[in-house]
PDB file of all heavy atoms in Angstrom:
ATOM      1  N   ASP A   1     195.242 143.157  -2.604  1.00  0.00           N
ATOM      2  CA  ASP A   1     195.753 142.543  -1.384  1.00  0.00           C
ATOM      3  C   ASP A   1     196.751 141.463  -1.634  1.00  0.00           C
ATOM      4  O   ASP A   1     197.762 141.342  -0.942  1.00  0.00           O
ATOM      5  CB  ASP A   1     194.667 142.182  -0.480  1.00  0.00           C
ATOM      6  CG  ASP A   1     193.998 143.349   0.215  1.00  0.00           C
ATOM      7  OD1 ASP A   1     194.470 144.509   0.205  1.00  0.00           O
ATOM      8  OD2 ASP A   1     192.871 143.110   0.774  1.00  0.00           O
ATOM      9  N   MET A   2     196.469 140.766  -2.671  1.00  0.00           N
ATOM     10  CA  MET A   2     197.394 139.538  -2.965  1.00  0.00           C
ATOM     11  C   MET A   2     198.742 140.218  -3.570  1.00  0.00           C
ATOM     12  O   MET A   2     199.745 139.653  -3.154  1.00  0.00           O
ATOM     13  CB  MET A   2     196.791 138.824  -4.077  1.00  0.00           C
ATOM     14  CG  MET A   2     195.527 138.097  -3.697  1.00  0.00           C
ATOM     15  SD  MET A   2     194.750 137.108  -5.028  1.00  0.00           S
ATOM     16  CE  MET A   2     193.084 137.307  -4.628  1.00  0.00           C
ATOM     17  N   HIS A   3     198.718 141.285  -4.242  1.00  0.00           N
ATOM     18  CA  HIS A   3     199.935 141.870  -4.688  1.00  0.00           C
ATOM     19  C   HIS A   3     200.713 142.434  -3.566  1.00  0.00           C
ATOM     20  O   HIS A   3     202.033 142.339  -3.477  1.00  0.00           O
ATOM     21  CB  HIS A   3     199.708 142.942  -5.803  1.00  0.00           C
ATOM     22  CG  HIS A   3     199.275 142.372  -7.089  1.00  0.00           C
ATOM     23  ND1 HIS A   3     200.162 141.643  -7.869  1.00  0.00           N
ATOM     24  CD2 HIS A   3     198.086 142.335  -7.866  1.00  0.00           C
ATOM     25  CE1 HIS A   3     199.597 141.249  -9.010  1.00  0.00           C
ATOM     26  NE2 HIS A   3     198.342 141.618  -9.046  1.00  0.00           N
ATOM     27  N   ARG A   4     199.985 142.976  -2.631  1.00  0.00           N
ATOM     28  CA  ARG A   4     200.725 143.559  -1.431  1.00  0.00           C
ATOM     29  C   ARG A   4     201.368 142.438  -0.774  1.00  0.00           C
ATOM     30  O   ARG A   4     202.553 142.595  -0.229  1.00  0.00           O
ATOM     31  CB  ARG A   4     199.740 144.329  -0.522  1.00  0.00           C
ATOM     32  CG  ARG A   4     199.189 145.509  -1.211  1.00  0.00           C
ATOM     33  CD  ARG A   4     198.494 146.450  -0.239  1.00  0.00           C
ATOM     34  NE  ARG A   4     197.364 145.890   0.479  1.00  0.00           N
ATOM     35  CZ  ARG A   4     197.322 145.773   1.753  1.00  0.00           C
ATOM     36  NH1 ARG A   4     198.333 146.139   2.479  1.00  0.00           N
ATOM     37  NH2 ARG A   4     196.220 145.329   2.359  1.00  0.00           N
ATOM     38  N   LEU A   5     200.729 141.190  -0.491  1.00  0.00           N
ATOM     39  CA  LEU A   5     201.368 140.126   0.230  1.00  0.00           C
ATOM     40  C   LEU A   5     202.580 139.628  -0.611  1.00  0.00           C
ATOM     41  O   LEU A   5     203.561 139.239  -0.031  1.00  0.00           O
ATOM     42  CB  LEU A   5     200.261 139.044   0.363  1.00  0.00           C
ATOM     43  CG  LEU A   5     199.212 139.283   1.546  1.00  0.00           C
ATOM     44  CD1 LEU A   5     198.204 138.080   1.485  1.00  0.00           C
ATOM     45  CD2 LEU A   5     199.927 139.447   2.870  1.00  0.00           C
ATOM     46  N   LEU A   6     202.557 139.743  -1.930  1.00  0.00           N
ATOM     47  CA  LEU A   6     203.625 139.237  -2.778  1.00  0.00           C
ATOM     48  C   LEU A   6     204.836 139.995  -2.491  1.00  0.00           C
ATOM     49  O   LEU A   6     206.021 139.550  -2.633  1.00  0.00           O
ATOM     50  CB  LEU A   6     203.194 139.239  -4.181  1.00  0.00           C
ATOM     51  CG  LEU A   6     202.357 138.100  -4.694  1.00  0.00           C
ATOM     52  CD1 LEU A   6     201.687 138.391  -6.046  1.00  0.00           C
ATOM     53  CD2 LEU A   6     203.258 136.712  -4.709  1.00  0.00           C
ATOM     54  N   HIS A   7     204.647 141.392  -2.112  1.00  0.00           N
ATOM     55  CA  HIS A   7     205.737 142.192  -1.895  1.00  0.00           C
ATOM     56  C   HIS A   7     206.404 141.920  -0.607  1.00  0.00           C
ATOM     57  O   HIS A   7     207.584 141.949  -0.365  1.00  0.00           O
ATOM     58  CB  HIS A   7     205.317 143.588  -1.948  1.00  0.00           C
ATOM     59  CG  HIS A   7     205.490 144.227  -3.439  1.00  0.00           C
ATOM     60  ND1 HIS A   7     206.569 144.519  -4.070  1.00  0.00           N
ATOM     61  CD2 HIS A   7     204.425 144.442  -4.293  1.00  0.00           C
ATOM     62  CE1 HIS A   7     206.236 144.928  -5.237  1.00  0.00           C
ATOM     63  NE2 HIS A   7     205.063 144.853  -5.517  1.00  0.00           N
ATOM     64  N   LEU A   8     205.453 141.587   0.381  1.00  0.00           N
ATOM     65  CA  LEU A   8     205.879 141.057   1.632  1.00  0.00           C
ATOM     66  C   LEU A   8     206.757 139.742   1.476  1.00  0.00           C
ATOM     67  O   LEU A   8     207.821 139.540   1.997  1.00  0.00           O
ATOM     68  CB  LEU A   8     204.683 140.769   2.651  1.00  0.00           C
ATOM     69  CG  LEU A   8     205.073 139.997   3.845  1.00  0.00           C
ATOM     70  CD1 LEU A   8     205.868 140.804   4.828  1.00  0.00           C
ATOM     71  CD2 LEU A   8     203.796 139.497   4.626  1.00  0.00           C
ATOM     72  N   ALA A   9     206.205 138.890   0.686  1.00  0.00           N
ATOM     73  CA  ALA A   9     206.822 137.517   0.356  1.00  0.00           C
ATOM     74  C   ALA A   9     208.242 137.768  -0.245  1.00  0.00           C
ATOM     75  O   ALA A   9     209.193 137.043   0.083  1.00  0.00           O
ATOM     76  CB  ALA A   9     206.027 136.674  -0.407  1.00  0.00           C
ATOM     77  N   LYS A  10     208.393 138.789  -1.151  1.00  0.00           N
ATOM     78  CA  LYS A  10     209.627 139.071  -1.758  1.00  0.00           C
ATOM     79  C   LYS A  10     210.736 139.346  -0.785  1.00  0.00           C
ATOM     80  O   LYS A  10     211.832 138.936  -0.916  1.00  0.00           O
ATOM     81  CB  LYS A  10     209.461 140.209  -2.699  1.00  0.00           C
ATOM     82  CG  LYS A  10     210.755 140.517  -3.510  1.00  0.00           C
ATOM     83  CD  LYS A  10     210.469 141.761  -4.460  1.00  0.00           C
ATOM     84  CE  LYS A  10     211.803 142.194  -5.154  1.00  0.00           C
ATOM     85  NZ  LYS A  10     211.607 143.348  -5.953  1.00  0.00           N
ATOM     86  N   GLU A  11     210.228 140.086   0.310  1.00  0.00           N
ATOM     87  CA  GLU A  11     211.357 140.440   1.343  1.00  0.00           C
ATOM     88  C   GLU A  11     211.754 139.223   2.074  1.00  0.00           C
ATOM     89  O   GLU A  11     212.790 139.204   2.667  1.00  0.00           O
ATOM     90  CB  GLU A  11     210.755 141.431   2.251  1.00  0.00           C
ATOM     91  CG  GLU A  11     210.528 142.913   1.680  1.00  0.00           C
ATOM     92  CD  GLU A  11     210.027 143.906   2.673  1.00  0.00           C
ATOM     93  OE1 GLU A  11     209.733 143.534   3.925  1.00  0.00           O
ATOM     94  OE2 GLU A  11     209.963 145.029   2.353  1.00  0.00           O
ATOM     95  N   HIS A  12     211.002 138.184   2.165  1.00  0.00           N
ATOM     96  CA  HIS A  12     211.360 136.998   2.870  1.00  0.00           C
ATOM     97  C   HIS A  12     211.747 135.880   1.942  1.00  0.00           C
ATOM     98  O   HIS A  12     211.875 134.749   2.304  1.00  0.00           O
ATOM     99  CB  HIS A  12     210.256 136.644   3.719  1.00  0.00           C
ATOM    100  CG  HIS A  12     209.823 137.535   4.834  1.00  0.00           C
ATOM    101  ND1 HIS A  12     210.478 137.555   6.001  1.00  0.00           N
ATOM    102  CD2 HIS A  12     208.937 138.540   4.782  1.00  0.00           C
ATOM    103  CE1 HIS A  12     209.966 138.563   6.888  1.00  0.00           C
ATOM    104  NE2 HIS A  12     209.049 139.179   6.037  1.00  0.00           N
ATOM    105  N   GLY A  13     211.947 136.190   0.569  1.00  0.00           N
ATOM    106  CA  GLY A  13     212.474 135.042  -0.309  1.00  0.00           C
ATOM    107  C   GLY A  13     211.357 134.024  -0.546  1.00  0.00           C
ATOM    108  O   GLY A  13     211.841 132.881  -0.771  1.00  0.00           O
ATOM    109  N   ARG A  14     210.148 134.421  -0.441  1.00  0.00           N
ATOM    110  CA  ARG A  14     209.027 133.463  -0.638  1.00  0.00           C
ATOM    111  C   ARG A  14     208.101 133.870  -1.757  1.00  0.00           C
ATOM    112  O   ARG A  14     206.948 133.337  -1.882  1.00  0.00           O
ATOM    113  CB  ARG A  14     208.266 133.187   0.613  1.00  0.00           C
ATOM    114  CG  ARG A  14     209.105 132.876   1.906  1.00  0.00           C
ATOM    115  CD  ARG A  14     209.994 131.589   1.736  1.00  0.00           C
ATOM    116  NE  ARG A  14     209.025 130.434   1.636  1.00  0.00           N
ATOM    117  CZ  ARG A  14     209.386 129.097   1.243  1.00  0.00           C
ATOM    118  NH1 ARG A  14     210.856 128.939   1.124  1.00  0.00           N
ATOM    119  NH2 ARG A  14     208.647 128.089   1.161  1.00  0.00           N
ATOM    120  N   GLN A  15     208.470 134.835  -2.586  1.00  0.00           N
ATOM    121  CA  GLN A  15     207.609 135.297  -3.601  1.00  0.00           C
ATOM    122  C   GLN A  15     207.056 134.308  -4.585  1.00  0.00           C
ATOM    123  O   GLN A  15     205.901 134.195  -4.972  1.00  0.00           O
ATOM    124  CB  GLN A  15     208.239 136.537  -4.351  1.00  0.00           C
ATOM    125  CG  GLN A  15     207.347 137.300  -5.219  1.00  0.00           C
ATOM    126  CD  GLN A  15     208.077 138.387  -5.972  1.00  0.00           C
ATOM    127  OE1 GLN A  15     209.196 138.183  -6.619  1.00  0.00           O
ATOM    128  NE2 GLN A  15     207.497 139.569  -6.054  1.00  0.00           N
ATOM    129  N   GLU A  16     208.087 133.417  -5.078  1.00  0.00           N
ATOM    130  CA  GLU A  16     207.773 132.420  -6.059  1.00  0.00           C
ATOM    131  C   GLU A  16     206.712 131.507  -5.456  1.00  0.00           C
ATOM    132  O   GLU A  16     205.691 131.079  -6.144  1.00  0.00           O
ATOM    133  CB  GLU A  16     209.011 131.685  -6.495  1.00  0.00           C
ATOM    134  CG  GLU A  16     208.841 130.672  -7.589  1.00  0.00           C
ATOM    135  CD  GLU A  16     208.945 131.310  -8.946  1.00  0.00           C
ATOM    136  OE1 GLU A  16     209.318 132.419  -9.116  1.00  0.00           O
ATOM    137  OE2 GLU A  16     208.601 130.559 -10.018  1.00  0.00           O
ATOM    138  N   GLN A  17     206.998 130.991  -4.202  1.00  0.00           N
ATOM    139  CA  GLN A  17     206.100 130.038  -3.528  1.00  0.00           C
ATOM    140  C   GLN A  17     204.662 130.686  -3.241  1.00  0.00           C
ATOM    141  O   GLN A  17     203.739 129.930  -3.601  1.00  0.00           O
ATOM    142  CB  GLN A  17     206.782 129.754  -2.225  1.00  0.00           C
ATOM    143  CG  GLN A  17     207.949 128.807  -2.275  1.00  0.00           C
ATOM    144  CD  GLN A  17     209.228 129.660  -2.415  1.00  0.00           C
ATOM    145  OE1 GLN A  17     209.167 130.844  -2.676  1.00  0.00           O
ATOM    146  NE2 GLN A  17     210.333 129.152  -2.287  1.00  0.00           N
ATOM    147  N   LEU A  18     204.673 131.907  -2.951  1.00  0.00           N
ATOM    148  CA  LEU A  18     203.371 132.437  -2.799  1.00  0.00           C
ATOM    149  C   LEU A  18     202.595 132.779  -4.051  1.00  0.00           C
ATOM    150  O   LEU A  18     201.339 132.346  -4.066  1.00  0.00           O
ATOM    151  CB  LEU A  18     203.215 133.830  -2.017  1.00  0.00           C
ATOM    152  CG  LEU A  18     202.162 134.587  -1.716  1.00  0.00           C
ATOM    153  CD1 LEU A  18     201.196 133.738  -0.831  1.00  0.00           C
ATOM    154  CD2 LEU A  18     202.321 135.842  -1.056  1.00  0.00           C
ATOM    155  N   LEU A  19     203.230 133.070  -5.073  1.00  0.00           N
ATOM    156  CA  LEU A  19     202.474 133.216  -6.386  1.00  0.00           C
ATOM    157  C   LEU A  19     201.916 131.950  -6.961  1.00  0.00           C
ATOM    158  O   LEU A  19     200.776 131.897  -7.293  1.00  0.00           O
ATOM    159  CB  LEU A  19     203.585 133.795  -7.359  1.00  0.00           C
ATOM    160  CG  LEU A  19     202.922 134.053  -8.690  1.00  0.00           C
ATOM    161  CD1 LEU A  19     201.780 135.266  -8.597  1.00  0.00           C
ATOM    162  CD2 LEU A  19     203.950 134.606  -9.808  1.00  0.00           C
ATOM    163  N   ASP A  20     202.745 130.876  -6.754  1.00  0.00           N
ATOM    164  CA  ASP A  20     202.209 129.486  -7.090  1.00  0.00           C
ATOM    165  C   ASP A  20     200.982 128.983  -6.307  1.00  0.00           C
ATOM    166  O   ASP A  20     200.082 128.540  -6.717  1.00  0.00           O
ATOM    167  CB  ASP A  20     203.325 128.454  -6.855  1.00  0.00           C
ATOM    168  CG  ASP A  20     204.418 128.592  -8.053  1.00  0.00           C
ATOM    169  OD1 ASP A  20     204.126 129.088  -9.165  1.00  0.00           O
ATOM    170  OD2 ASP A  20     205.510 128.050  -7.817  1.00  0.00           O
ATOM    171  N   VAL A  21     201.019 129.422  -4.964  1.00  0.00           N
ATOM    172  CA  VAL A  21     199.998 128.999  -4.088  1.00  0.00           C
ATOM    173  C   VAL A  21     198.672 129.839  -4.430  1.00  0.00           C
ATOM    174  O   VAL A  21     197.654 129.267  -4.544  1.00  0.00           O
ATOM    175  CB  VAL A  21     200.352 129.299  -2.628  1.00  0.00           C
ATOM    176  CG1 VAL A  21     199.060 129.217  -1.743  1.00  0.00           C
ATOM    177  CG2 VAL A  21     201.357 128.268  -2.129  1.00  0.00           C
ATOM    178  N   LEU A  22     198.858 131.095  -4.690  1.00  0.00           N
ATOM    179  CA  LEU A  22     197.749 131.890  -5.121  1.00  0.00           C
ATOM    180  C   LEU A  22     197.128 131.501  -6.486  1.00  0.00           C
ATOM    181  O   LEU A  22     195.855 131.445  -6.599  1.00  0.00           O
ATOM    182  CB  LEU A  22     198.164 133.349  -5.186  1.00  0.00           C
ATOM    183  CG  LEU A  22     198.465 134.137  -3.832  1.00  0.00           C
ATOM    184  CD1 LEU A  22     199.158 135.402  -4.053  1.00  0.00           C
ATOM    185  CD2 LEU A  22     197.220 134.143  -2.972  1.00  0.00           C
ATOM    186  N   TYR A  23     198.006 131.210  -7.361  1.00  0.00           N
ATOM    187  CA  TYR A  23     197.487 130.716  -8.699  1.00  0.00           C
ATOM    188  C   TYR A  23     196.596 129.540  -8.552  1.00  0.00           C
ATOM    189  O   TYR A  23     195.482 129.370  -9.064  1.00  0.00           O
ATOM    190  CB  TYR A  23     198.615 130.523  -9.562  1.00  0.00           C
ATOM    191  CG  TYR A  23     199.148 131.688 -10.387  1.00  0.00           C
ATOM    192  CD1 TYR A  23     200.547 131.766 -10.682  1.00  0.00           C
ATOM    193  CD2 TYR A  23     198.277 132.679 -10.891  1.00  0.00           C
ATOM    194  CE1 TYR A  23     201.003 132.905 -11.467  1.00  0.00           C
ATOM    195  CE2 TYR A  23     198.692 133.741 -11.628  1.00  0.00           C
ATOM    196  CZ  TYR A  23     200.073 133.851 -11.856  1.00  0.00           C
ATOM    197  OH  TYR A  23     200.538 135.021 -12.661  1.00  0.00           O
ATOM    198  N   ARG A  24     197.238 128.570  -7.817  1.00  0.00           N
ATOM    199  CA  ARG A  24     196.517 127.305  -7.682  1.00  0.00           C
ATOM    200  C   ARG A  24     195.178 127.551  -6.991  1.00  0.00           C
ATOM    201  O   ARG A  24     194.170 126.938  -7.256  1.00  0.00           O
ATOM    202  CB  ARG A  24     197.429 126.259  -6.960  1.00  0.00           C
ATOM    203  CG  ARG A  24     196.584 125.033  -6.710  1.00  0.00           C
ATOM    204  CD  ARG A  24     197.396 123.736  -6.160  1.00  0.00           C
ATOM    205  NE  ARG A  24     196.557 122.573  -6.012  1.00  0.00           N
ATOM    206  CZ  ARG A  24     196.168 121.784  -7.009  1.00  0.00           C
ATOM    207  NH1 ARG A  24     196.550 122.092  -8.308  1.00  0.00           N
ATOM    208  NH2 ARG A  24     195.436 120.684  -6.808  1.00  0.00           N
ATOM    209  N   ALA A  25     195.154 128.270  -5.874  1.00  0.00           N
ATOM    210  CA  ALA A  25     194.015 128.493  -5.066  1.00  0.00           C
ATOM    211  C   ALA A  25     192.854 129.179  -5.917  1.00  0.00           C
ATOM    212  O   ALA A  25     191.694 128.815  -5.943  1.00  0.00           O
ATOM    213  CB  ALA A  25     194.370 129.344  -3.917  1.00  0.00           C
ATOM    214  N   ASN A  26     193.319 130.136  -6.726  1.00  0.00           N
ATOM    215  CA  ASN A  26     192.280 130.879  -7.621  1.00  0.00           C
ATOM    216  C   ASN A  26     191.741 130.062  -8.801  1.00  0.00           C
ATOM    217  O   ASN A  26     190.512 130.113  -9.052  1.00  0.00           O
ATOM    218  CB  ASN A  26     193.028 132.173  -8.159  1.00  0.00           C
ATOM    219  CG  ASN A  26     191.974 133.022  -8.980  1.00  0.00           C
ATOM    220  OD1 ASN A  26     190.890 133.203  -8.468  1.00  0.00           O
ATOM    221  ND2 ASN A  26     192.376 133.491 -10.090  1.00  0.00           N
ATOM    222  N   PHE A  27     192.630 129.343  -9.444  1.00  0.00           N
ATOM    223  CA  PHE A  27     192.267 128.494 -10.577  1.00  0.00           C
ATOM    224  C   PHE A  27     191.809 127.218 -10.359  1.00  0.00           C
ATOM    225  O   PHE A  27     191.147 126.593 -11.208  1.00  0.00           O
ATOM    226  CB  PHE A  27     193.314 128.608 -11.738  1.00  0.00           C
ATOM    227  CG  PHE A  27     193.441 130.030 -12.192  1.00  0.00           C
ATOM    228  CD1 PHE A  27     194.623 130.802 -11.884  1.00  0.00           C
ATOM    229  CD2 PHE A  27     192.504 130.640 -13.017  1.00  0.00           C
ATOM    230  CE1 PHE A  27     194.724 132.134 -12.367  1.00  0.00           C
ATOM    231  CE2 PHE A  27     192.583 131.920 -13.637  1.00  0.00           C
ATOM    232  CZ  PHE A  27     193.714 132.700 -13.280  1.00  0.00           C
ATOM    233  N   ALA A  28     192.334 126.599  -9.254  1.00  0.00           N
ATOM    234  CA  ALA A  28     192.037 125.125  -9.270  1.00  0.00           C
ATOM    235  C   ALA A  28     191.320 124.712  -7.938  1.00  0.00           C
ATOM    236  O   ALA A  28     190.643 123.684  -7.946  1.00  0.00           O
ATOM    237  CB  ALA A  28     193.380 124.261  -9.184  1.00  0.00           C
ATOM    238  N   GLU A  29     191.166 125.469  -6.885  1.00  0.00           N
ATOM    239  CA  GLU A  29     190.485 125.053  -5.777  1.00  0.00           C
ATOM    240  C   GLU A  29     189.175 125.747  -5.805  1.00  0.00           C
ATOM    241  O   GLU A  29     188.872 126.765  -6.299  1.00  0.00           O
ATOM    242  CB  GLU A  29     191.308 125.451  -4.602  1.00  0.00           C
ATOM    243  CG  GLU A  29     192.683 124.937  -4.509  1.00  0.00           C
ATOM    244  CD  GLU A  29     193.513 125.233  -3.373  1.00  0.00           C
ATOM    245  OE1 GLU A  29     193.020 126.130  -2.457  1.00  0.00           O
ATOM    246  OE2 GLU A  29     194.612 124.853  -3.255  1.00  0.00           O
ATOM    247  N   GLU A  30     188.244 125.063  -4.921  1.00  0.00           N
ATOM    248  CA  GLU A  30     186.767 125.472  -4.826  1.00  0.00           C
ATOM    249  C   GLU A  30     186.655 126.831  -3.997  1.00  0.00           C
ATOM    250  O   GLU A  30     185.744 127.616  -4.242  1.00  0.00           O
ATOM    251  CB  GLU A  30     185.954 124.427  -4.338  1.00  0.00           C
ATOM    252  CG  GLU A  30     185.762 123.222  -5.255  1.00  0.00           C
ATOM    253  CD  GLU A  30     184.685 122.236  -4.869  1.00  0.00           C
ATOM    254  OE1 GLU A  30     183.918 122.491  -3.786  1.00  0.00           O
ATOM    255  OE2 GLU A  30     184.656 121.052  -5.293  1.00  0.00           O
ATOM    256  N   ARG A  31     187.338 126.859  -2.923  1.00  0.00           N
ATOM    257  CA  ARG A  31     187.216 128.093  -2.098  1.00  0.00           C
ATOM    258  C   ARG A  31     187.706 129.311  -2.630  1.00  0.00           C
ATOM    259  O   ARG A  31     188.881 129.273  -3.175  1.00  0.00           O
ATOM    260  CB  ARG A  31     187.890 127.739  -0.707  1.00  0.00           C
ATOM    261  CG  ARG A  31     187.540 128.865   0.372  1.00  0.00           C
ATOM    262  CD  ARG A  31     188.200 128.406   1.606  1.00  0.00           C
ATOM    263  NE  ARG A  31     188.207 129.525   2.563  1.00  0.00           N
ATOM    264  CZ  ARG A  31     188.828 129.513   3.791  1.00  0.00           C
ATOM    265  NH1 ARG A  31     189.720 128.571   4.023  1.00  0.00           N
ATOM    266  NH2 ARG A  31     188.778 130.610   4.593  1.00  0.00           N
ATOM    267  N   SER A  32     186.969 130.334  -2.599  1.00  0.00           N
ATOM    268  CA  SER A  32     187.466 131.675  -3.213  1.00  0.00           C
ATOM    269  C   SER A  32     188.591 132.138  -2.463  1.00  0.00           C
ATOM    270  O   SER A  32     188.783 132.056  -1.326  1.00  0.00           O
ATOM    271  CB  SER A  32     186.202 132.671  -3.170  1.00  0.00           C
ATOM    272  OG  SER A  32     186.662 133.868  -3.645  1.00  0.00           O
ATOM    273  N   VAL A  33     189.353 133.009  -3.249  1.00  0.00           N
ATOM    274  CA  VAL A  33     190.445 133.783  -2.770  1.00  0.00           C
ATOM    275  C   VAL A  33     190.111 135.166  -2.493  1.00  0.00           C
ATOM    276  O   VAL A  33     190.871 136.040  -2.050  1.00  0.00           O
ATOM    277  CB  VAL A  33     191.712 133.675  -3.712  1.00  0.00           C
ATOM    278  CG1 VAL A  33     192.197 132.174  -3.856  1.00  0.00           C
ATOM    279  CG2 VAL A  33     191.337 134.290  -4.982  1.00  0.00           C
ATOM    280  N   PHE A  34     188.831 135.523  -2.811  1.00  0.00           N
ATOM    281  CA  PHE A  34     188.503 136.932  -2.638  1.00  0.00           C
ATOM    282  C   PHE A  34     187.587 137.353  -1.440  1.00  0.00           C
ATOM    283  O   PHE A  34     186.745 136.381  -1.110  1.00  0.00           O
ATOM    284  CB  PHE A  34     187.780 137.441  -3.997  1.00  0.00           C
ATOM    285  CG  PHE A  34     188.502 137.267  -5.253  1.00  0.00           C
ATOM    286  CD1 PHE A  34     188.268 136.083  -6.057  1.00  0.00           C
ATOM    287  CD2 PHE A  34     189.552 138.116  -5.552  1.00  0.00           C
ATOM    288  CE1 PHE A  34     189.075 135.974  -7.201  1.00  0.00           C
ATOM    289  CE2 PHE A  34     190.264 137.976  -6.719  1.00  0.00           C
ATOM    290  CZ  PHE A  34     189.990 136.843  -7.523  1.00  0.00           C
ATOM    291  N   GLY A  35     187.888 138.348  -0.912  1.00  0.00           N
ATOM    292  CA  GLY A  35     186.895 138.935   0.069  1.00  0.00           C
ATOM    293  C   GLY A  35     187.215 138.618   1.561  1.00  0.00           C
ATOM    294  O   GLY A  35     186.882 139.390   2.442  1.00  0.00           O
ATOM    295  N   GLU A  36     187.964 137.464   1.897  1.00  0.00           N
ATOM    296  CA  GLU A  36     188.107 137.010   3.246  1.00  0.00           C
ATOM    297  C   GLU A  36     189.714 137.160   3.467  1.00  0.00           C
ATOM    298  O   GLU A  36     190.518 136.479   2.883  1.00  0.00           O
ATOM    299  CB  GLU A  36     187.739 135.771   3.443  1.00  0.00           C
ATOM    300  CG  GLU A  36     186.259 135.497   3.419  1.00  0.00           C
ATOM    301  CD  GLU A  36     185.819 134.092   3.686  1.00  0.00           C
ATOM    302  OE1 GLU A  36     186.603 133.378   4.375  1.00  0.00           O
ATOM    303  OE2 GLU A  36     184.696 133.692   3.381  1.00  0.00           O
ATOM    304  N   ASP A  37     190.103 138.119   4.363  1.00  0.00           N
ATOM    305  CA  ASP A  37     191.471 138.216   4.704  1.00  0.00           C
ATOM    306  C   ASP A  37     192.124 136.943   5.342  1.00  0.00           C
ATOM    307  O   ASP A  37     193.294 136.604   4.932  1.00  0.00           O
ATOM    308  CB  ASP A  37     191.711 139.269   5.687  1.00  0.00           C
ATOM    309  CG  ASP A  37     191.617 140.719   5.180  1.00  0.00           C
ATOM    310  OD1 ASP A  37     191.368 140.793   4.000  1.00  0.00           O
ATOM    311  OD2 ASP A  37     191.640 141.637   5.922  1.00  0.00           O
ATOM    312  N   GLU A  38     191.330 136.103   6.126  1.00  0.00           N
ATOM    313  CA  GLU A  38     191.872 134.964   6.533  1.00  0.00           C
ATOM    314  C   GLU A  38     192.197 133.895   5.604  1.00  0.00           C
ATOM    315  O   GLU A  38     192.949 133.035   5.771  1.00  0.00           O
ATOM    316  CB  GLU A  38     190.936 134.426   7.732  1.00  0.00           C
ATOM    317  CG  GLU A  38     190.971 135.073   9.173  1.00  0.00           C
ATOM    318  CD  GLU A  38     192.511 134.991   9.582  1.00  0.00           C
ATOM    319  OE1 GLU A  38     193.068 134.012   9.778  1.00  0.00           O
ATOM    320  OE2 GLU A  38     192.968 136.106   9.886  1.00  0.00           O
ATOM    321  N   ARG A  39     191.401 133.848   4.477  1.00  0.00           N
ATOM    322  CA  ARG A  39     191.761 132.943   3.473  1.00  0.00           C
ATOM    323  C   ARG A  39     193.236 133.334   2.855  1.00  0.00           C
ATOM    324  O   ARG A  39     193.990 132.330   2.578  1.00  0.00           O
ATOM    325  CB  ARG A  39     190.772 133.213   2.186  1.00  0.00           C
ATOM    326  CG  ARG A  39     190.975 132.357   1.046  1.00  0.00           C
ATOM    327  CD  ARG A  39     191.106 130.823   1.191  1.00  0.00           C
ATOM    328  NE  ARG A  39     191.046 130.117  -0.168  1.00  0.00           N
ATOM    329  CZ  ARG A  39     191.679 129.126  -0.266  1.00  0.00           C
ATOM    330  NH1 ARG A  39     192.352 128.403   0.619  1.00  0.00           N
ATOM    331  NH2 ARG A  39     191.536 128.483  -1.623  1.00  0.00           N
TER     332      ARG A  39
END
């Protein structure tokens, strides 16, 4: 699902920004990035 969102972001010129946000959320933040769409 994250990769699908990255393709959406690419269409809007925000791919780099979303990738950075996802990386930080997955590796540095306590709240999980898996399982919840609203996250």
